[in-house]
Amino acid sequence: MNISQAISKRVMLLCYEKDMTVYELSKKSGVPKTTIKDIISGRSKNPGVISIEKLATGFSMSVGEFWNHELFTHLDTYLHP
């Protein structure tokens, strides 16, 4: 799994855990719905730091809490898929 796939899975898991739709996350985070959908679908290969920070805020967590998940512990070591 690469970083963009891990971010995608993390966003999907958090939406599920917090019972949030993409629309609700967009409203709470300020990240456009299309950007969130691109991250989830994998079309966004390199989500920006600001987008991740805003998404974390939308989930009512810190950026550190967003990254603190087992998805990010065993990533592929290459930068490009």
C-alpha atoms as a PDB file:
ATOM      1  CA  MET A   1       0.000   0.000   0.000  1.00  0.00           C
ATOM      2  CA  ASN A   2       1.282   3.466  -0.810  1.00  0.00           C
ATOM      3  CA  ILE A   3       0.630   6.736   1.035  1.00  0.00           C
ATOM      4  CA  SER A   4      -2.285   7.884  -1.155  1.00  0.00           C
ATOM      5  CA  GLN A   5      -4.019   4.528  -0.696  1.00  0.00           C
ATOM      6  CA  ALA A   6      -3.480   4.708   3.065  1.00  0.00           C
ATOM      7  CA  ILE A   7      -4.891   8.256   3.203  1.00  0.00           C
ATOM      8  CA  SER A   8      -7.898   7.127   1.160  1.00  0.00           C
ATOM      9  CA  LYS A   9      -8.568   4.222   3.526  1.00  0.00           C
ATOM     10  CA  ARG A  10      -8.064   6.412   6.594  1.00  0.00           C
ATOM     11  CA  VAL A  11     -10.623   8.964   5.358  1.00  0.00           C
ATOM     12  CA  MET A  12     -13.126   6.198   4.539  1.00  0.00           C
ATOM     13  CA  LEU A  13     -12.613   4.546   7.939  1.00  0.00           C
ATOM     14  CA  LEU A  14     -13.054   7.828   9.792  1.00  0.00           C
ATOM     15  CA  CYS A  15     -16.223   8.648   7.846  1.00  0.00           C
ATOM     16  CA  TYR A  16     -17.565   5.224   8.812  1.00  0.00           C
ATOM     17  CA  GLU A  17     -16.465   5.464  12.460  1.00  0.00           C
ATOM     18  CA  LYS A  18     -17.896   8.951  12.858  1.00  0.00           C
ATOM     19  CA  ASP A  19     -20.993   8.178  10.764  1.00  0.00           C
ATOM     20  CA  MET A  20     -20.265  11.066   8.395  1.00  0.00           C
ATOM     21  CA  THR A  21     -21.003  11.468   4.718  1.00  0.00           C
ATOM     22  CA  VAL A  22     -18.578  13.105   2.303  1.00  0.00           C
ATOM     23  CA  TYR A  23     -20.976  16.057   2.206  1.00  0.00           C
ATOM     24  CA  GLU A  24     -20.897  16.407   6.018  1.00  0.00           C
ATOM     25  CA  LEU A  25     -17.117  16.114   6.072  1.00  0.00           C
ATOM     26  CA  SER A  26     -16.872  18.765   3.372  1.00  0.00           C
ATOM     27  CA  LYS A  27     -19.047  21.170   5.367  1.00  0.00           C
ATOM     28  CA  LYS A  28     -17.128  20.580   8.614  1.00  0.00           C
ATOM     29  CA  SER A  29     -13.657  20.689   7.068  1.00  0.00           C
ATOM     30  CA  GLY A  30     -13.998  23.277   4.319  1.00  0.00           C
ATOM     31  CA  VAL A  31     -12.475  20.834   1.820  1.00  0.00           C
ATOM     32  CA  PRO A  32     -14.523  20.703  -1.396  1.00  0.00           C
ATOM     33  CA  LYS A  33     -16.618  17.569  -1.800  1.00  0.00           C
ATOM     34  CA  THR A  34     -14.941  16.839  -5.139  1.00  0.00           C
ATOM     35  CA  THR A  35     -11.500  16.956  -3.505  1.00  0.00           C
ATOM     36  CA  ILE A  36     -12.592  14.497  -0.817  1.00  0.00           C
ATOM     37  CA  LYS A  37     -14.061  12.187  -3.469  1.00  0.00           C
ATOM     38  CA  ASP A  38     -10.787  12.406  -5.438  1.00  0.00           C
ATOM     39  CA  ILE A  39      -8.814  11.459  -2.320  1.00  0.00           C
ATOM     40  CA  ILE A  40     -11.113   8.510  -1.564  1.00  0.00           C
ATOM     41  CA  SER A  41     -11.166   7.241  -5.145  1.00  0.00           C
ATOM     42  CA  GLY A  42      -7.396   7.528  -5.520  1.00  0.00           C
ATOM     43  CA  ARG A  43      -7.530  10.138  -8.282  1.00  0.00           C
ATOM     44  CA  SER A  44      -5.651  12.477  -5.954  1.00  0.00           C
ATOM     45  CA  LYS A  45      -2.205  10.876  -5.757  1.00  0.00           C
ATOM     46  CA  ASN A  46      -0.722  13.535  -3.483  1.00  0.00           C
ATOM     47  CA  PRO A  47      -3.249  15.181  -1.144  1.00  0.00           C
ATOM     48  CA  GLY A  48      -1.858  18.419   0.209  1.00  0.00           C
ATOM     49  CA  VAL A  49      -0.851  18.972   3.802  1.00  0.00           C
ATOM     50  CA  ILE A  50      -3.447  21.726   4.162  1.00  0.00           C
ATOM     51  CA  SER A  51      -6.200  19.395   2.913  1.00  0.00           C
ATOM     52  CA  ILE A  52      -5.138  16.725   5.421  1.00  0.00           C
ATOM     53  CA  GLU A  53      -5.090  19.307   8.208  1.00  0.00           C
ATOM     54  CA  LYS A  54      -8.574  20.522   7.261  1.00  0.00           C
ATOM     55  CA  LEU A  55      -9.902  16.958   7.037  1.00  0.00           C
ATOM     56  CA  ALA A  56      -8.498  16.184  10.481  1.00  0.00           C
ATOM     57  CA  THR A  57     -10.233  19.284  11.835  1.00  0.00           C
ATOM     58  CA  GLY A  58     -13.456  18.157  10.148  1.00  0.00           C
ATOM     59  CA  PHE A  59     -13.122  14.854  11.998  1.00  0.00           C
ATOM     60  CA  SER A  60     -12.526  16.791  15.269  1.00  0.00           C
ATOM     61  CA  MET A  61      -8.988  15.471  15.639  1.00  0.00           C
ATOM     62  CA  SER A  62      -5.446  16.722  15.394  1.00  0.00           C
ATOM     63  CA  VAL A  63      -3.224  16.040  12.392  1.00  0.00           C
ATOM     64  CA  GLY A  64      -1.164  13.754  14.630  1.00  0.00           C
ATOM     65  CA  GLU A  65      -4.267  11.733  15.463  1.00  0.00           C
ATOM     66  CA  PHE A  66      -5.076  11.439  11.751  1.00  0.00           C
ATOM     67  CA  TRP A  67      -1.618   9.983  11.015  1.00  0.00           C
ATOM     68  CA  ASN A  68      -1.550   7.808  14.149  1.00  0.00           C
ATOM     69  CA  HIS A  69      -2.999   4.659  12.604  1.00  0.00           C
ATOM     70  CA  GLU A  70      -1.591   1.282  11.625  1.00  0.00           C
ATOM     71  CA  LEU A  71      -2.309   2.074   7.952  1.00  0.00           C
ATOM     72  CA  PHE A  72       0.726   4.352   7.973  1.00  0.00           C
ATOM     73  CA  THR A  73       3.201   2.010   9.667  1.00  0.00           C
ATOM     74  CA  HIS A  74       4.004  -0.352   6.789  1.00  0.00           C
ATOM     75  CA  LEU A  75       3.854   1.728   3.643  1.00  0.00           C
ATOM     76  CA  ASP A  76       5.683   0.850   0.445  1.00  0.00           C
ATOM     77  CA  THR A  77       9.085   2.516   0.419  1.00  0.00           C
ATOM     78  CA  TYR A  78       8.801   3.894  -3.079  1.00  0.00           C
ATOM     79  CA  LEU A  79       7.370   7.317  -3.771  1.00  0.00           C
ATOM     80  CA  HIS A  80       5.479   6.642  -6.972  1.00  0.00           C
ATOM     81  CA  PRO A  81       3.166   3.690  -7.662  1.00  0.00           C
END
